PDB file of N, CA and C in Angstrom:
ATOM      1  N   MET A   1      -1.531  48.990 -72.639  1.00  0.00           N
ATOM      2  CA  MET A   1      -0.523  48.113 -73.402  1.00  0.00           C
ATOM      3  C   MET A   1      -0.664  48.286 -74.951  1.00  0.00           C
ATOM      4  N   ILE A   2       0.400  48.562 -75.543  1.00  0.00           N
ATOM      5  CA  ILE A   2       0.407  48.673 -77.043  1.00  0.00           C
ATOM      6  C   ILE A   2       0.879  47.467 -77.620  1.00  0.00           C
ATOM      7  N   SER A   3       0.249  47.098 -78.695  1.00  0.00           N
ATOM      8  CA  SER A   3       0.620  45.898 -79.586  1.00  0.00           C
ATOM      9  C   SER A   3       0.975  46.342 -80.933  1.00  0.00           C
ATOM     10  N   ALA A   4       2.194  46.268 -81.429  1.00  0.00           N
ATOM     11  CA  ALA A   4       2.478  46.495 -82.871  1.00  0.00           C
ATOM     12  C   ALA A   4       2.222  45.284 -83.589  1.00  0.00           C
ATOM     13  N   VAL A   5       1.471  45.396 -84.734  1.00  0.00           N
ATOM     14  CA  VAL A   5       1.068  44.153 -85.474  1.00  0.00           C
ATOM     15  C   VAL A   5       1.647  44.495 -87.076  1.00  0.00           C
ATOM     16  N   ILE A   6       2.639  43.567 -87.354  1.00  0.00           N
ATOM     17  CA  ILE A   6       3.165  43.684 -88.545  1.00  0.00           C
ATOM     18  C   ILE A   6       2.858  42.369 -89.454  1.00  0.00           C
ATOM     19  N   PRO A   7       2.057  42.489 -90.364  1.00  0.00           N
ATOM     20  CA  PRO A   7       1.807  41.347 -91.287  1.00  0.00           C
ATOM     21  C   PRO A   7       2.858  41.277 -92.401  1.00  0.00           C
ATOM     22  N   VAL A   8       3.347  40.032 -92.794  1.00  0.00           N
ATOM     23  CA  VAL A   8       4.255  39.888 -93.760  1.00  0.00           C
ATOM     24  C   VAL A   8       3.916  38.638 -94.600  1.00  0.00           C
ATOM     25  N   HIS A   9       4.191  38.760 -95.901  1.00  0.00           N
ATOM     26  CA  HIS A   9       3.923  37.584 -96.841  1.00  0.00           C
ATOM     27  C   HIS A   9       4.995  37.619 -97.823  1.00  0.00           C
ATOM     28  N   ASN A  10       5.974  36.832 -97.785  1.00  0.00           N
ATOM     29  CA  ASN A  10       7.017  36.477 -98.739  1.00  0.00           C
ATOM     30  C   ASN A  10       7.978  37.680 -98.847  1.00  0.00           C
ATOM     31  N   ARG A  11       7.936  38.669 -98.009  1.00  0.00           N
ATOM     32  CA  ARG A  11       8.835  39.762 -98.205  1.00  0.00           C
ATOM     33  C   ARG A  11       9.526  40.141 -97.027  1.00  0.00           C
ATOM     34  N   PHE A  12      10.694  39.600 -96.850  1.00  0.00           N
ATOM     35  CA  PHE A  12      11.520  39.619 -95.673  1.00  0.00           C
ATOM     36  C   PHE A  12      12.659  40.689 -95.897  1.00  0.00           C
ATOM     37  N   GLU A  13      12.947  41.356 -97.026  1.00  0.00           N
ATOM     38  CA  GLU A  13      14.154  42.088 -97.173  1.00  0.00           C
ATOM     39  C   GLU A  13      14.124  43.399 -96.247  1.00  0.00           C
ATOM     40  N   TYR A  14      13.045  43.886 -95.859  1.00  0.00           N
ATOM     41  CA  TYR A  14      12.990  45.006 -94.914  1.00  0.00           C
ATOM     42  C   TYR A  14      12.515  44.626 -93.548  1.00  0.00           C
ATOM     43  N   LEU A  15      12.171  43.481 -93.280  1.00  0.00           N
ATOM     44  CA  LEU A  15      11.372  43.162 -92.106  1.00  0.00           C
ATOM     45  C   LEU A  15      12.160  43.404 -90.919  1.00  0.00           C
ATOM     46  N   ASN A  16      13.493  43.142 -90.718  1.00  0.00           N
ATOM     47  CA  ASN A  16      14.228  43.514 -89.442  1.00  0.00           C
ATOM     48  C   ASN A  16      14.455  44.973 -89.142  1.00  0.00           C
ATOM     49  N   GLU A  17      14.485  45.816 -90.395  1.00  0.00           N
ATOM     50  CA  GLU A  17      14.655  47.229 -90.306  1.00  0.00           C
ATOM     51  C   GLU A  17      13.307  47.642 -89.802  1.00  0.00           C
ATOM     52  N   THR A  18      12.225  47.248 -90.306  1.00  0.00           N
ATOM     53  CA  THR A  18      10.865  47.570 -89.747  1.00  0.00           C
ATOM     54  C   THR A  18      10.772  47.462 -88.445  1.00  0.00           C
ATOM     55  N   ILE A  19      11.015  46.139 -87.806  1.00  0.00           N
ATOM     56  CA  ILE A  19      11.034  45.898 -86.453  1.00  0.00           C
ATOM     57  C   ILE A  19      11.954  46.630 -85.620  1.00  0.00           C
ATOM     58  N   ALA A  20      13.043  47.032 -86.120  1.00  0.00           N
ATOM     59  CA  ALA A  20      13.995  47.818 -85.469  1.00  0.00           C
ATOM     60  C   ALA A  20      13.348  49.308 -85.285  1.00  0.00           C
ATOM     61  N   SER A  21      12.512  49.771 -86.126  1.00  0.00           N
ATOM     62  CA  SER A  21      11.975  51.060 -86.010  1.00  0.00           C
ATOM     63  C   SER A  21      10.974  51.039 -85.118  1.00  0.00           C
ATOM     64  N   VAL A  22      10.337  49.899 -84.820  1.00  0.00           N
ATOM     65  CA  VAL A  22       9.251  49.814 -83.804  1.00  0.00           C
ATOM     66  C   VAL A  22       9.971  49.815 -82.311  1.00  0.00           C
ATOM     67  N   PHE A  23      11.075  49.091 -82.320  1.00  0.00           N
ATOM     68  CA  PHE A  23      11.730  49.024 -81.092  1.00  0.00           C
ATOM     69  C   PHE A  23      12.531  50.375 -80.780  1.00  0.00           C
ATOM     70  N   SER A  24      12.634  51.239 -81.729  1.00  0.00           N
ATOM     71  CA  SER A  24      13.269  52.575 -81.507  1.00  0.00           C
ATOM     72  C   SER A  24      12.423  53.498 -81.056  1.00  0.00           C
ATOM     73  N   GLN A  25      11.226  53.294 -80.738  1.00  0.00           N
ATOM     74  CA  GLN A  25      10.132  54.298 -80.305  1.00  0.00           C
ATOM     75  C   GLN A  25      10.490  54.922 -79.060  1.00  0.00           C
ATOM     76  N   THR A  26      10.063  56.349 -78.768  1.00  0.00           N
ATOM     77  CA  THR A  26      10.220  56.771 -77.400  1.00  0.00           C
ATOM     78  C   THR A  26       9.293  56.111 -76.521  1.00  0.00           C
ATOM     79  N   ARG A  27       8.189  55.481 -76.888  1.00  0.00           N
ATOM     80  CA  ARG A  27       7.438  54.711 -76.107  1.00  0.00           C
ATOM     81  C   ARG A  27       7.288  53.339 -76.774  1.00  0.00           C
ATOM     82  N   VAL A  28       8.141  52.428 -76.443  1.00  0.00           N
ATOM     83  CA  VAL A  28       8.244  51.138 -77.181  1.00  0.00           C
ATOM     84  C   VAL A  28       6.927  50.163 -76.875  1.00  0.00           C
ATOM     85  N   PRO A  29       6.424  49.681 -77.963  1.00  0.00           N
ATOM     86  CA  PRO A  29       5.162  48.764 -77.643  1.00  0.00           C
ATOM     87  C   PRO A  29       5.512  47.765 -76.708  1.00  0.00           C
ATOM     88  N   ASP A  30       4.547  47.287 -75.977  1.00  0.00           N
ATOM     89  CA  ASP A  30       4.629  46.279 -74.951  1.00  0.00           C
ATOM     90  C   ASP A  30       4.678  44.810 -75.834  1.00  0.00           C
ATOM     91  N   GLU A  31       4.219  44.893 -76.905  1.00  0.00           N
ATOM     92  CA  GLU A  31       4.213  43.478 -77.715  1.00  0.00           C
ATOM     93  C   GLU A  31       4.418  43.824 -79.233  1.00  0.00           C
ATOM     94  N   VAL A  32       5.318  43.172 -80.038  1.00  0.00           N
ATOM     95  CA  VAL A  32       5.548  43.192 -81.417  1.00  0.00           C
ATOM     96  C   VAL A  32       5.044  41.879 -81.902  1.00  0.00           C
ATOM     97  N   LEU A  33       3.941  41.893 -82.673  1.00  0.00           N
ATOM     98  CA  LEU A  33       3.442  40.670 -83.254  1.00  0.00           C
ATOM     99  C   LEU A  33       3.509  40.679 -84.725  1.00  0.00           C
ATOM    100  N   ILE A  34       4.283  39.614 -85.221  1.00  0.00           N
ATOM    101  CA  ILE A  34       4.491  39.471 -86.666  1.00  0.00           C
ATOM    102  C   ILE A  34       3.443  38.447 -87.108  1.00  0.00           C
ATOM    103  N   VAL A  35       2.779  38.815 -88.042  1.00  0.00           N
ATOM    104  CA  VAL A  35       1.595  38.053 -88.600  1.00  0.00           C
ATOM    105  C   VAL A  35       2.246  37.409 -89.981  1.00  0.00           C
ATOM    106  N   ASP A  36       2.508  36.057 -89.934  1.00  0.00           N
ATOM    107  CA  ASP A  36       3.121  35.369 -91.191  1.00  0.00           C
ATOM    108  C   ASP A  36       1.769  34.998 -92.002  1.00  0.00           C
ATOM    109  N   ASP A  37       1.571  35.662 -92.947  1.00  0.00           N
ATOM    110  CA  ASP A  37       0.328  35.459 -93.846  1.00  0.00           C
ATOM    111  C   ASP A  37       0.705  34.212 -94.883  1.00  0.00           C
ATOM    112  N   SER A  38       1.075  33.095 -94.316  1.00  0.00           N
ATOM    113  CA  SER A  38       1.249  31.857 -95.159  1.00  0.00           C
ATOM    114  C   SER A  38       2.453  32.070 -96.049  1.00  0.00           C
ATOM    115  N   SER A  39       3.485  32.724 -95.544  1.00  0.00           N
ATOM    116  CA  SER A  39       4.604  32.749 -96.379  1.00  0.00           C
ATOM    117  C   SER A  39       5.203  31.427 -96.947  1.00  0.00           C
ATOM    118  N   ILE A  40       5.748  31.473 -98.199  1.00  0.00           N
ATOM    119  CA  ILE A  40       6.406  29.997 -98.472  1.00  0.00           C
ATOM    120  C   ILE A  40       7.234  29.665 -97.571  1.00  0.00           C
ATOM    121  N   VAL A  41       8.385  30.540 -97.270  1.00  0.00           N
ATOM    122  CA  VAL A  41       9.255  30.277 -96.173  1.00  0.00           C
ATOM    123  C   VAL A  41       8.686  30.792 -94.845  1.00  0.00           C
ATOM    124  N   PRO A  42       8.411  30.117 -94.063  1.00  0.00           N
ATOM    125  CA  PRO A  42       7.888  30.669 -92.628  1.00  0.00           C
ATOM    126  C   PRO A  42       8.762  31.640 -92.055  1.00  0.00           C
ATOM    127  N   VAL A  43       8.184  32.769 -91.461  1.00  0.00           N
ATOM    128  CA  VAL A  43       8.749  33.725 -90.797  1.00  0.00           C
ATOM    129  C   VAL A  43       9.817  33.203 -89.740  1.00  0.00           C
ATOM    130  N   GLU A  44       9.331  32.221 -88.938  1.00  0.00           N
ATOM    131  CA  GLU A  44      10.235  31.720 -87.997  1.00  0.00           C
ATOM    132  C   GLU A  44      11.509  30.959 -88.585  1.00  0.00           C
ATOM    133  N   GLU A  45      11.356  30.452 -89.793  1.00  0.00           N
ATOM    134  CA  GLU A  45      12.683  29.996 -90.475  1.00  0.00           C
ATOM    135  C   GLU A  45      13.616  31.153 -90.908  1.00  0.00           C
ATOM    136  N   TYR A  46      12.984  32.143 -91.328  1.00  0.00           N
ATOM    137  CA  TYR A  46      13.682  33.381 -91.608  1.00  0.00           C
ATOM    138  C   TYR A  46      14.495  33.862 -90.538  1.00  0.00           C
ATOM    139  N   PHE A  47      13.629  34.006 -89.425  1.00  0.00           N
ATOM    140  CA  PHE A  47      14.237  34.486 -88.191  1.00  0.00           C
ATOM    141  C   PHE A  47      15.342  33.586 -87.629  1.00  0.00           C
ATOM    142  N   ALA A  48      15.415  32.315 -88.029  1.00  0.00           N
ATOM    143  CA  ALA A  48      16.485  31.376 -87.476  1.00  0.00           C
ATOM    144  C   ALA A  48      17.769  31.729 -87.958  1.00  0.00           C
ATOM    145  N   ASN A  49      17.803  32.399 -89.192  1.00  0.00           N
ATOM    146  CA  ASN A  49      19.127  32.961 -89.852  1.00  0.00           C
ATOM    147  C   ASN A  49      19.290  34.428 -89.773  1.00  0.00           C
ATOM    148  N   ASN A  50      18.171  34.977 -89.303  1.00  0.00           N
ATOM    149  CA  ASN A  50      18.066  36.541 -89.272  1.00  0.00           C
ATOM    150  C   ASN A  50      17.423  37.007 -88.080  1.00  0.00           C
ATOM    151  N   PRO A  51      17.992  36.778 -86.973  1.00  0.00           N
ATOM    152  CA  PRO A  51      17.268  37.193 -85.621  1.00  0.00           C
ATOM    153  C   PRO A  51      16.585  38.448 -85.761  1.00  0.00           C
ATOM    154  N   PRO A  52      15.304  38.753 -85.285  1.00  0.00           N
ATOM    155  CA  PRO A  52      14.831  39.938 -85.086  1.00  0.00           C
ATOM    156  C   PRO A  52      15.636  40.777 -84.035  1.00  0.00           C
ATOM    157  N   PRO A  53      15.613  42.192 -84.170  1.00  0.00           N
ATOM    158  CA  PRO A  53      16.281  43.076 -83.308  1.00  0.00           C
ATOM    159  C   PRO A  53      15.661  43.259 -81.961  1.00  0.00           C
ATOM    160  N   GLY A  54      14.910  42.323 -81.493  1.00  0.00           N
ATOM    161  CA  GLY A  54      14.168  42.378 -80.288  1.00  0.00           C
ATOM    162  C   GLY A  54      13.136  41.352 -80.174  1.00  0.00           C
ATOM    163  N   PRO A  55      12.491  41.231 -79.040  1.00  0.00           N
ATOM    164  CA  PRO A  55      11.465  40.053 -78.735  1.00  0.00           C
ATOM    165  C   PRO A  55      10.338  40.234 -79.612  1.00  0.00           C
ATOM    166  N   VAL A  56      10.048  39.295 -80.327  1.00  0.00           N
ATOM    167  CA  VAL A  56       8.597  39.275 -81.076  1.00  0.00           C
ATOM    168  C   VAL A  56       7.876  38.055 -81.023  1.00  0.00           C
ATOM    169  N   ARG A  57       6.604  38.081 -81.238  1.00  0.00           N
ATOM    170  CA  ARG A  57       5.779  36.934 -81.185  1.00  0.00           C
ATOM    171  C   ARG A  57       5.285  36.678 -82.657  1.00  0.00           C
ATOM    172  N   VAL A  58       5.370  35.523 -83.024  1.00  0.00           N
ATOM    173  CA  VAL A  58       4.931  35.188 -84.486  1.00  0.00           C
ATOM    174  C   VAL A  58       3.637  34.242 -84.427  1.00  0.00           C
ATOM    175  N   VAL A  59       2.657  34.785 -85.227  1.00  0.00           N
ATOM    176  CA  VAL A  59       1.454  33.862 -85.422  1.00  0.00           C
ATOM    177  C   VAL A  59       1.435  33.631 -87.043  1.00  0.00           C
ATOM    178  N   ARG A  60       0.923  32.556 -87.341  1.00  0.00           N
ATOM    179  CA  ARG A  60       0.836  32.259 -88.844  1.00  0.00           C
ATOM    180  C   ARG A  60      -0.523  31.778 -89.269  1.00  0.00           C
ATOM    181  N   THR A  61      -1.021  32.532 -90.257  1.00  0.00           N
ATOM    182  CA  THR A  61      -2.322  32.226 -90.830  1.00  0.00           C
ATOM    183  C   THR A  61      -2.458  30.687 -91.551  1.00  0.00           C
ATOM    184  N   ASP A  62      -3.425  30.162 -91.490  1.00  0.00           N
ATOM    185  CA  ASP A  62      -3.720  28.911 -92.022  1.00  0.00           C
ATOM    186  C   ASP A  62      -3.678  29.033 -93.607  1.00  0.00           C
ATOM    187  N   ARG A  63      -4.009  30.216 -94.169  1.00  0.00           N
ATOM    188  CA  ARG A  63      -4.071  30.495 -95.588  1.00  0.00           C
ATOM    189  C   ARG A  63      -3.775  31.834 -95.774  1.00  0.00           C
ATOM    190  N   SER A  64      -3.303  32.215 -97.019  1.00  0.00           N
ATOM    191  CA  SER A  64      -2.977  33.616 -97.251  1.00  0.00           C
ATOM    192  C   SER A  64      -4.393  34.506 -97.266  1.00  0.00           C
ATOM    193  N   ARG A  65      -4.318  35.606 -96.465  1.00  0.00           N
ATOM    194  CA  ARG A  65      -5.586  36.396 -96.184  1.00  0.00           C
ATOM    195  C   ARG A  65      -5.392  37.766 -96.798  1.00  0.00           C
ATOM    196  N   ASN A  66      -4.189  37.979 -97.456  1.00  0.00           N
ATOM    197  CA  ASN A  66      -3.954  39.252 -98.066  1.00  0.00           C
ATOM    198  C   ASN A  66      -3.660  40.448 -96.865  1.00  0.00           C
ATOM    199  N   ALA A  67      -3.303  41.417 -97.240  1.00  0.00           N
ATOM    200  CA  ALA A  67      -2.894  42.486 -96.175  1.00  0.00           C
ATOM    201  C   ALA A  67      -3.940  42.798 -95.131  1.00  0.00           C
ATOM    202  N   GLY A  68      -5.169  43.198 -95.621  1.00  0.00           N
ATOM    203  CA  GLY A  68      -6.103  43.348 -94.628  1.00  0.00           C
ATOM    204  C   GLY A  68      -6.558  42.344 -93.799  1.00  0.00           C
ATOM    205  N   GLY A  69      -6.754  41.091 -94.373  1.00  0.00           N
ATOM    206  CA  GLY A  69      -7.008  39.922 -93.640  1.00  0.00           C
ATOM    207  C   GLY A  69      -6.112  39.560 -92.577  1.00  0.00           C
ATOM    208  N   ALA A  70      -4.684  39.756 -92.940  1.00  0.00           N
ATOM    209  CA  ALA A  70      -3.536  39.519 -92.077  1.00  0.00           C
ATOM    210  C   ALA A  70      -3.705  40.481 -90.826  1.00  0.00           C
ATOM    211  N   ARG A  71      -3.888  41.847 -91.064  1.00  0.00           N
ATOM    212  CA  ARG A  71      -4.069  42.692 -90.194  1.00  0.00           C
ATOM    213  C   ARG A  71      -5.185  42.403 -89.108  1.00  0.00           C
ATOM    214  N   ASN A  72      -6.357  41.874 -89.704  1.00  0.00           N
ATOM    215  CA  ASN A  72      -7.489  41.402 -88.676  1.00  0.00           C
ATOM    216  C   ASN A  72      -7.007  40.390 -88.032  1.00  0.00           C
ATOM    217  N   TYR A  73      -6.351  39.403 -88.640  1.00  0.00           N
ATOM    218  CA  TYR A  73      -5.905  38.145 -87.846  1.00  0.00           C
ATOM    219  C   TYR A  73      -4.991  38.504 -86.822  1.00  0.00           C
ATOM    220  N   GLY A  74      -4.059  39.556 -87.012  1.00  0.00           N
ATOM    221  CA  GLY A  74      -3.123  39.982 -86.043  1.00  0.00           C
ATOM    222  C   GLY A  74      -3.826  40.642 -84.816  1.00  0.00           C
ATOM    223  N   TRP A  75      -4.752  41.631 -85.023  1.00  0.00           N
ATOM    224  CA  TRP A  75      -5.298  42.336 -83.985  1.00  0.00           C
ATOM    225  C   TRP A  75      -6.163  41.334 -83.045  1.00  0.00           C
ATOM    226  N   ARG A  76      -6.734  40.270 -83.789  1.00  0.00           N
ATOM    227  CA  ARG A  76      -7.422  39.318 -82.876  1.00  0.00           C
ATOM    228  C   ARG A  76      -6.385  38.542 -82.070  1.00  0.00           C
ATOM    229  N   HIS A  77      -5.272  38.523 -82.379  1.00  0.00           N
ATOM    230  CA  HIS A  77      -4.300  37.712 -81.541  1.00  0.00           C
ATOM    231  C   HIS A  77      -3.471  38.466 -80.680  1.00  0.00           C
ATOM    232  N   ALA A  78      -3.583  39.864 -80.722  1.00  0.00           N
ATOM    233  CA  ALA A  78      -2.697  40.847 -79.987  1.00  0.00           C
ATOM    234  C   ALA A  78      -3.372  40.911 -78.588  1.00  0.00           C
ATOM    235  N   GLN A  79      -2.341  41.210 -77.708  1.00  0.00           N
ATOM    236  CA  GLN A  79      -2.725  41.328 -76.334  1.00  0.00           C
ATOM    237  C   GLN A  79      -3.002  42.765 -75.835  1.00  0.00           C
ATOM    238  N   GLY A  80      -2.591  43.705 -76.747  1.00  0.00           N
ATOM    239  CA  GLY A  80      -2.768  45.088 -76.222  1.00  0.00           C
ATOM    240  C   GLY A  80      -4.135  45.689 -76.414  1.00  0.00           C
ATOM    241  N   ASP A  81      -4.349  46.740 -75.384  1.00  0.00           N
ATOM    242  CA  ASP A  81      -5.409  47.636 -75.629  1.00  0.00           C
ATOM    243  C   ASP A  81      -5.577  48.508 -76.770  1.00  0.00           C
ATOM    244  N   LEU A  82      -4.252  48.941 -77.129  1.00  0.00           N
ATOM    245  CA  LEU A  82      -4.149  49.668 -78.446  1.00  0.00           C
ATOM    246  C   LEU A  82      -3.202  48.994 -79.408  1.00  0.00           C
ATOM    247  N   ILE A  83      -3.810  49.080 -80.687  1.00  0.00           N
ATOM    248  CA  ILE A  83      -3.138  48.359 -81.691  1.00  0.00           C
ATOM    249  C   ILE A  83      -2.431  49.360 -82.611  1.00  0.00           C
ATOM    250  N   ALA A  84      -1.306  49.131 -83.117  1.00  0.00           N
ATOM    251  CA  ALA A  84      -0.637  50.040 -84.147  1.00  0.00           C
ATOM    252  C   ALA A  84      -0.198  49.058 -85.196  1.00  0.00           C
ATOM    253  N   PHE A  85      -0.369  49.394 -86.414  1.00  0.00           N
ATOM    254  CA  PHE A  85      -0.198  48.477 -87.736  1.00  0.00           C
ATOM    255  C   PHE A  85       1.066  49.128 -88.281  1.00  0.00           C
ATOM    256  N   ASN A  86       1.785  48.236 -88.842  1.00  0.00           N
ATOM    257  CA  ASN A  86       3.034  48.680 -89.601  1.00  0.00           C
ATOM    258  C   ASN A  86       3.166  47.566 -90.775  1.00  0.00           C
ATOM    259  N   ASP A  87       3.483  47.952 -91.913  1.00  0.00           N
ATOM    260  CA  ASP A  87       3.665  47.110 -92.939  1.00  0.00           C
ATOM    261  C   ASP A  87       5.101  46.617 -92.808  1.00  0.00           C
ATOM    262  N   SER A  88       5.497  45.349 -93.507  1.00  0.00           N
ATOM    263  CA  SER A  88       6.819  44.940 -93.388  1.00  0.00           C
ATOM    264  C   SER A  88       7.859  45.566 -94.121  1.00  0.00           C
ATOM    265  N   ASP A  89       7.320  46.518 -94.852  1.00  0.00           N
ATOM    266  CA  ASP A  89       8.520  47.290 -95.507  1.00  0.00           C
ATOM    267  C   ASP A  89       8.363  48.813 -95.202  1.00  0.00           C
ATOM    268  N   ASP A  90       7.878  49.186 -94.052  1.00  0.00           N
ATOM    269  CA  ASP A  90       7.800  50.552 -93.616  1.00  0.00           C
ATOM    270  C   ASP A  90       8.443  50.695 -92.406  1.00  0.00           C
ATOM    271  N   LEU A  91       8.930  51.998 -92.123  1.00  0.00           N
ATOM    272  CA  LEU A  91       9.536  52.359 -90.909  1.00  0.00           C
ATOM    273  C   LEU A  91       8.678  53.469 -90.265  1.00  0.00           C
ATOM    274  N   TRP A  92       8.678  53.479 -88.801  1.00  0.00           N
ATOM    275  CA  TRP A  92       8.047  54.330 -88.035  1.00  0.00           C
ATOM    276  C   TRP A  92       9.092  55.518 -87.656  1.00  0.00           C
ATOM    277  N   GLU A  93       8.593  56.558 -87.583  1.00  0.00           N
ATOM    278  CA  GLU A  93       9.272  57.909 -87.049  1.00  0.00           C
ATOM    279  C   GLU A  93       9.447  57.524 -85.525  1.00  0.00           C
ATOM    280  N   PRO A  94      10.380  57.888 -84.778  1.00  0.00           N
ATOM    281  CA  PRO A  94      10.751  57.521 -83.419  1.00  0.00           C
ATOM    282  C   PRO A  94       9.658  57.963 -82.378  1.00  0.00           C
ATOM    283  N   ASP A  95       8.784  58.869 -82.795  1.00  0.00           N
ATOM    284  CA  ASP A  95       7.843  59.288 -81.731  1.00  0.00           C
ATOM    285  C   ASP A  95       6.361  58.905 -82.054  1.00  0.00           C
ATOM    286  N   LYS A  96       6.203  57.972 -82.990  1.00  0.00           N
ATOM    287  CA  LYS A  96       4.829  57.446 -83.523  1.00  0.00           C
ATOM    288  C   LYS A  96       4.081  57.212 -82.197  1.00  0.00           C
ATOM    289  N   THR A  97       4.489  56.291 -81.286  1.00  0.00           N
ATOM    290  CA  THR A  97       3.665  55.878 -80.222  1.00  0.00           C
ATOM    291  C   THR A  97       3.732  56.668 -78.876  1.00  0.00           C
ATOM    292  N   ARG A  98       4.343  57.848 -78.954  1.00  0.00           N
ATOM    293  CA  ARG A  98       4.739  58.619 -77.941  1.00  0.00           C
ATOM    294  C   ARG A  98       3.434  59.088 -76.997  1.00  0.00           C
ATOM    295  N   HIS A  99       2.442  59.397 -77.827  1.00  0.00           N
ATOM    296  CA  HIS A  99       1.159  59.867 -77.238  1.00  0.00           C
ATOM    297  C   HIS A  99       0.085  58.798 -77.265  1.00  0.00           C
ATOM    298  N   ALA A 100       0.442  57.565 -77.230  1.00  0.00           N
ATOM    299  CA  ALA A 100      -0.482  56.390 -77.259  1.00  0.00           C
ATOM    300  C   ALA A 100      -1.467  56.467 -76.175  1.00  0.00           C
ATOM    301  N   GLY A 101      -2.634  56.356 -76.321  1.00  0.00           N
ATOM    302  CA  GLY A 101      -3.728  56.332 -75.207  1.00  0.00           C
ATOM    303  C   GLY A 101      -4.225  57.818 -74.998  1.00  0.00           C
ATOM    304  N   ARG A 102      -3.641  58.737 -75.704  1.00  0.00           N
ATOM    305  CA  ARG A 102      -4.137  60.208 -75.509  1.00  0.00           C
ATOM    306  C   ARG A 102      -4.736  60.679 -76.865  1.00  0.00           C
ATOM    307  N   VAL A 103      -4.309  60.089 -78.016  1.00  0.00           N
ATOM    308  CA  VAL A 103      -4.908  60.487 -79.268  1.00  0.00           C
ATOM    309  C   VAL A 103      -5.117  59.203 -80.002  1.00  0.00           C
ATOM    310  N   LEU A 104      -6.056  59.429 -81.024  1.00  0.00           N
ATOM    311  CA  LEU A 104      -6.263  58.316 -82.023  1.00  0.00           C
ATOM    312  C   LEU A 104      -5.242  58.412 -83.159  1.00  0.00           C
ATOM    313  N   TRP A 105      -4.728  57.295 -83.711  1.00  0.00           N
ATOM    314  CA  TRP A 105      -3.978  57.286 -84.732  1.00  0.00           C
ATOM    315  C   TRP A 105      -4.145  56.101 -85.478  1.00  0.00           C
TER     316      TRP A 105
END
């Protein structure tokens, strides 16, 4: 099982494009986990007006942990055996997860 972990802190302008690139994989992750790193406007409120392009699970930190801390928080809450990180303003190439489980990335 692959979990994609995407931390976000107050930066939503590319978030849905980022999520769409995860769902566009040749091997779609089994879980997409958005880590809301205590954004001023919670991610779930943002999604209420801007629905994500596929099923996501959102976890929210109790305080801002910065990028590294948010990634750690995310993998601890992820359900996958393999974890793939993506920043909230980055796009994945369509075959990033194609060989998951056979190579380290």
